[in-house]
Amino acid sequence: MPLRQPGAVLNYRILSLGDAALTIEFGEVIDRRLLAAVAAADQALLQAVAAGQLPGVVETVPTFRSLTVIHDPLRGTRSEVEAAIHAVLRQTAAIVAPRGRVWQLPVCYGDQLASCGPDLDQLAAACGLGAAEVVRLHAGGCYEVYMLGFLPGFAFMGDLPPVLARARRSEPRTRVPAGSVATAGSLTAIYPWESPGGWHLIGVCPLPLFSPSWPQAALLQPGDRVRLRAIDAGEFAALQAAAPAMRAAAQPPLAFLAAAAE
């Protein structure tokens, strides 16, 4: 089925995902055009749910290239939910997903701390660059949050400068420290929790990225943009000491918000 957006027509298909969910698939690659389609469709469906036009729909879950719709099968059959979704998406030409917030997050890169960026030099060598140039390029980007996944608050962000794009590590680590700033392929991310991981670790961010105390538990949301600022070990230590209070606060650390949602 076609999904019309300003200046473009995108095809989509709807796939079954068990007896209480379905997936609207827009493509098979990581692409900003598909991300915009997912965001527009998500916005349209959420508005329809609020208006009572999609009874039984419980939740929508956006990804890079698809949107999963979870519904209550006791309140509507699969065919009824699918027909209602088609009807909503046919009207999405006028729906423009709002831009998210812009954050500026601090990052301590490289070997300034024992746990900071153990892969920076290796990544730099693979890219044919010096470590300082990798830091300059990585910190100079403005990254869009494509989706959340893997861990609570883990934001997949793109796009890296092409020269920094390298496949993930051949041997994943069993332990990646919380706050680790990492790259894999064309993406970058910050690990909100300690976990296994196979991305290249080039720095660490001292801010909490997830807290149930905040109105939205995850600091970063799909559609947000993230700028990075390189900091030294002294500033890192000060922010790290303040992190527990930030996590316990009723609001996320808005001092690092460069611009509110448009």
Protein backbone atom coordinates (compact mmCIF):
# COMPACT_ATOMS: atom_id res chain seq x y z
CA MET A 1 0.00 0.00 0.00
CA PRO A 2 1.27 3.54 -0.67
CA LEU A 3 1.87 6.00 2.14
CA ARG A 4 1.80 9.55 0.84
CA GLN A 5 4.01 12.16 2.43
CA PRO A 6 4.89 15.65 1.23
CA GLY A 7 6.98 15.18 -1.91
CA ALA A 8 7.05 11.38 -1.79
CA VAL A 9 5.03 8.18 -1.95
CA LEU A 10 6.30 5.30 0.16
CA ASN A 11 5.07 1.75 0.01
CA TYR A 12 4.39 -0.29 3.11
CA ARG A 13 3.13 -3.73 3.97
CA ILE A 14 1.49 -5.07 7.13
CA LEU A 15 2.79 -8.32 8.64
CA SER A 16 1.35 -10.46 11.42
CA LEU A 17 3.28 -10.54 14.67
CA GLY A 18 1.47 -13.09 16.80
CA ASP A 19 -2.20 -12.81 17.72
CA ALA A 20 -1.98 -9.40 19.41
CA ALA A 21 0.37 -7.35 17.24
CA LEU A 22 1.21 -6.48 13.67
CA THR A 23 4.12 -4.70 12.02
CA ILE A 24 3.90 -1.97 9.38
CA GLU A 25 7.08 -2.34 7.33
CA PHE A 26 8.32 0.54 5.17
CA GLY A 27 11.65 -0.83 3.89
CA GLU A 28 14.69 -2.92 4.61
CA VAL A 29 17.51 -0.42 5.24
CA ILE A 30 18.51 2.29 7.72
CA ASP A 31 17.51 5.46 5.94
CA ARG A 32 16.32 8.89 7.09
CA ARG A 33 13.48 8.79 4.55
CA LEU A 34 12.15 5.59 6.10
CA LEU A 35 12.65 6.99 9.58
CA ALA A 36 10.49 9.98 8.60
CA ALA A 37 7.80 7.62 7.30
CA VAL A 38 7.84 5.61 10.54
CA ALA A 39 7.62 8.81 12.61
CA ALA A 40 4.75 10.19 10.53
CA ALA A 41 2.84 6.92 10.73
CA ASP A 42 3.42 6.68 14.47
CA GLN A 43 2.19 10.23 14.98
CA ALA A 44 -0.89 9.59 12.85
CA LEU A 45 -1.79 6.38 14.69
CA LEU A 46 -1.29 7.97 18.11
CA GLN A 47 -3.60 10.82 17.11
CA ALA A 48 -6.16 8.29 15.89
CA VAL A 49 -5.94 6.35 19.17
CA ALA A 50 -6.49 9.58 21.12
CA ALA A 51 -9.52 10.35 18.94
CA GLY A 52 -11.00 6.90 19.53
CA GLN A 53 -10.56 5.80 15.91
CA LEU A 54 -8.39 2.75 16.73
CA PRO A 55 -10.20 0.88 19.52
CA GLY A 56 -8.11 -1.91 20.95
CA VAL A 57 -4.72 -0.47 20.01
CA VAL A 58 -2.59 -0.57 23.16
CA GLU A 59 0.85 0.64 22.07
CA THR A 60 3.00 1.51 19.05
CA VAL A 61 6.70 0.65 18.88
CA PRO A 62 8.78 2.47 16.21
CA THR A 63 12.04 1.05 14.83
CA PHE A 64 14.46 2.07 12.06
CA ARG A 65 12.16 0.96 9.25
CA SER A 66 8.92 -0.35 10.75
CA LEU A 67 6.20 0.35 13.27
CA THR A 68 4.76 -2.40 15.45
CA VAL A 69 1.17 -1.96 16.62
CA ILE A 70 0.11 -3.91 19.70
CA HIS A 71 -3.63 -4.42 20.11
CA ASP A 72 -6.12 -6.18 22.34
CA PRO A 73 -7.67 -9.01 20.25
CA LEU A 74 -10.73 -8.99 22.52
CA ARG A 75 -11.55 -5.45 21.43
CA GLY A 76 -11.01 -5.85 17.70
CA THR A 77 -10.10 -8.54 15.21
CA ARG A 78 -6.89 -8.44 13.22
CA SER A 79 -8.80 -7.57 10.03
CA GLU A 80 -10.65 -4.72 11.79
CA VAL A 81 -7.43 -3.27 13.22
CA GLU A 82 -5.65 -3.57 9.86
CA ALA A 83 -8.52 -1.87 8.00
CA ALA A 84 -8.52 0.98 10.53
CA ILE A 85 -4.73 1.39 10.15
CA HIS A 86 -5.03 1.57 6.36
CA ALA A 87 -7.71 4.23 6.73
CA VAL A 88 -5.49 6.32 9.02
CA LEU A 89 -2.37 5.99 6.89
CA ARG A 90 -4.23 7.09 3.78
CA GLN A 91 -4.64 10.45 5.51
CA THR A 92 -1.02 10.92 6.56
CA ALA A 93 -0.11 13.37 3.78
CA ALA A 94 -1.01 16.16 6.19
CA ILE A 95 0.78 14.58 9.14
CA VAL A 96 4.29 15.81 9.84
CA ALA A 97 5.95 14.25 12.85
CA PRO A 98 7.25 16.96 15.18
CA ARG A 99 10.99 17.36 15.51
CA GLY A 100 12.39 16.15 18.79
CA ARG A 101 14.63 17.90 21.25
CA VAL A 102 18.30 18.73 20.72
CA TRP A 103 20.70 17.56 23.44
CA GLN A 104 24.35 18.40 23.97
CA LEU A 105 25.95 15.58 25.93
CA PRO A 106 29.46 15.56 27.42
CA VAL A 107 31.89 12.79 26.48
CA CYS A 108 35.33 11.98 27.87
CA TYR A 109 37.23 10.36 25.01
CA GLY A 110 40.22 8.06 24.82
CA ASP A 111 42.76 7.24 27.50
CA GLN A 112 42.07 10.10 29.93
CA LEU A 113 40.51 7.54 32.29
CA ALA A 114 41.26 3.83 32.61
CA SER A 115 37.73 2.94 31.48
CA CYS A 116 37.52 5.60 28.77
CA GLY A 117 37.47 4.54 25.13
CA PRO A 118 39.68 1.43 25.04
CA ASP A 119 39.03 1.03 21.28
CA LEU A 120 39.76 4.60 20.21
CA ASP A 121 43.33 3.99 19.00
CA GLN A 122 42.40 0.76 17.23
CA LEU A 123 39.43 2.38 15.52
CA ALA A 124 41.58 5.35 14.49
CA ALA A 125 44.17 3.02 12.93
CA ALA A 126 41.46 1.11 11.04
CA CYS A 127 40.17 4.42 9.67
CA GLY A 128 43.65 5.63 8.73
CA LEU A 129 43.33 8.58 11.13
CA GLY A 130 44.87 9.82 14.34
CA ALA A 131 42.90 9.45 17.56
CA ALA A 132 42.47 13.22 17.86
CA GLU A 133 40.91 13.37 14.39
CA VAL A 134 38.45 10.58 15.29
CA VAL A 135 37.44 12.55 18.39
CA ARG A 136 37.06 15.74 16.36
CA LEU A 137 34.89 14.04 13.75
CA HIS A 138 32.78 12.10 16.24
CA ALA A 139 32.20 15.06 18.55
CA GLY A 140 31.50 17.32 15.57
CA GLY A 141 28.42 15.42 14.43
CA CYS A 142 24.75 16.04 15.11
CA TYR A 143 23.15 12.62 15.44
CA GLU A 144 19.49 11.73 15.09
CA VAL A 145 17.96 9.18 17.43
CA TYR A 146 16.56 6.54 15.10
CA MET A 147 15.09 4.19 17.70
CA LEU A 148 15.38 2.78 21.23
CA GLY A 149 16.17 -0.87 21.80
CA PHE A 150 18.54 -3.54 23.15
CA LEU A 151 18.54 -1.98 26.64
CA PRO A 152 16.16 0.47 28.37
CA GLY A 153 17.22 3.91 27.18
CA PHE A 154 19.70 2.62 24.56
CA ALA A 155 19.39 5.05 21.64
CA PHE A 156 20.59 4.03 18.17
CA MET A 157 21.90 7.26 16.62
CA GLY A 158 23.10 8.12 13.13
CA ASP A 159 24.79 8.95 11.01
CA LEU A 160 28.51 8.78 11.63
CA PRO A 161 30.88 10.50 9.20
CA PRO A 162 31.49 7.80 6.54
CA VAL A 163 35.22 7.63 7.31
CA LEU A 164 34.41 6.41 10.85
CA ALA A 165 32.02 3.64 9.76
CA ARG A 166 33.45 0.24 10.65
CA ALA A 167 31.80 -3.11 11.34
CA ARG A 168 31.36 -4.06 14.97
CA ARG A 169 34.08 -5.94 16.83
CA SER A 170 34.68 -9.56 15.81
CA GLU A 171 34.75 -10.53 19.51
CA PRO A 172 32.09 -8.88 21.68
CA ARG A 173 32.93 -7.97 25.26
CA THR A 174 31.08 -9.67 28.09
CA ARG A 175 31.12 -6.40 30.06
CA VAL A 176 30.72 -2.90 28.67
CA PRO A 177 30.65 -0.19 31.39
CA ALA A 178 27.56 2.00 31.69
CA GLY A 179 27.99 5.31 29.88
CA SER A 180 30.32 3.89 27.23
CA VAL A 181 30.16 5.84 23.96
CA ALA A 182 30.45 3.46 21.04
CA THR A 183 30.27 3.09 17.25
CA ALA A 184 29.28 0.27 14.90
CA GLY A 185 28.68 0.59 11.19
CA SER A 186 27.16 4.00 10.51
CA LEU A 187 25.70 4.29 14.02
CA THR A 188 26.80 5.57 17.40
CA ALA A 189 25.29 5.00 20.84
CA ILE A 190 25.76 5.42 24.59
CA TYR A 191 25.28 2.34 26.77
CA PRO A 192 22.88 3.36 29.58
CA TRP A 193 23.64 0.22 31.59
CA GLU A 194 26.51 -2.20 32.03
CA SER A 195 25.99 -5.05 29.58
CA PRO A 196 27.69 -7.25 27.01
CA GLY A 197 28.37 -5.48 23.73
CA GLY A 198 30.28 -5.66 20.48
CA TRP A 199 30.58 -2.00 19.49
CA HIS A 200 33.82 0.00 19.43
CA LEU A 201 34.21 1.91 22.71
CA ILE A 202 35.75 5.35 22.19
CA GLY A 203 34.65 7.35 25.22
CA VAL A 204 32.23 7.62 28.13
CA CYS A 205 29.33 9.93 29.02
CA PRO A 206 28.79 10.63 32.75
CA LEU A 207 25.09 11.51 32.51
CA PRO A 208 22.29 9.09 33.41
CA LEU A 209 20.24 8.14 30.36
CA PHE A 210 17.34 6.39 32.10
CA SER A 211 15.41 6.93 35.31
CA PRO A 212 11.91 5.87 36.39
CA SER A 213 11.77 9.17 38.31
CA TRP A 214 11.48 11.17 35.08
CA PRO A 215 8.20 11.74 33.17
CA GLN A 216 9.78 9.86 30.25
CA ALA A 217 12.14 7.31 31.73
CA ALA A 218 14.50 7.37 28.73
CA LEU A 219 16.40 10.65 28.32
CA LEU A 220 16.64 10.29 24.52
CA GLN A 221 13.59 9.66 22.34
CA PRO A 222 13.21 8.81 18.64
CA GLY A 223 13.44 12.02 16.62
CA ASP A 224 15.71 13.74 19.14
CA ARG A 225 19.08 15.01 17.94
CA VAL A 226 22.29 14.71 19.90
CA ARG A 227 25.41 16.84 19.77
CA LEU A 228 28.49 15.78 21.70
CA ARG A 229 31.02 17.89 23.58
CA ALA A 230 34.47 16.55 24.45
CA ILE A 231 35.37 17.03 28.12
CA ASP A 232 38.44 16.29 30.23
CA ALA A 233 38.78 13.88 33.14
CA GLY A 234 38.18 16.62 35.73
CA GLU A 235 34.83 17.65 34.30
CA PHE A 236 33.90 14.00 33.85
CA ALA A 237 34.56 13.30 37.55
CA ALA A 238 32.43 16.27 38.64
CA LEU A 239 29.51 15.23 36.44
CA GLN A 240 29.83 11.61 37.48
CA ALA A 241 29.56 12.67 41.13
CA ALA A 242 26.39 14.61 40.32
CA ALA A 243 24.80 11.76 38.32
CA PRO A 244 22.97 10.02 41.24
CA ALA A 245 21.15 13.28 42.07
CA MET A 246 20.24 13.74 38.39
CA ARG A 247 18.83 10.21 38.29
CA ALA A 248 16.77 10.76 41.45
CA ALA A 249 15.38 14.14 40.32
CA ALA A 250 11.80 14.55 39.13
CA GLN A 251 13.01 15.87 35.76
CA PRO A 252 15.86 14.78 33.48
CA PRO A 253 19.01 16.95 33.36
CA LEU A 254 17.54 19.77 31.28
CA ALA A 255 20.75 21.78 31.58
CA PHE A 256 22.00 19.63 28.70
CA LEU A 257 19.00 20.42 26.51
CA ALA A 258 20.15 22.68 23.67
CA ALA A 259 16.68 23.16 22.16
CA ALA A 260 13.17 21.97 22.97
CA ALA A 261 10.99 20.03 20.53
CA GLU A 262 9.84 22.04 17.51
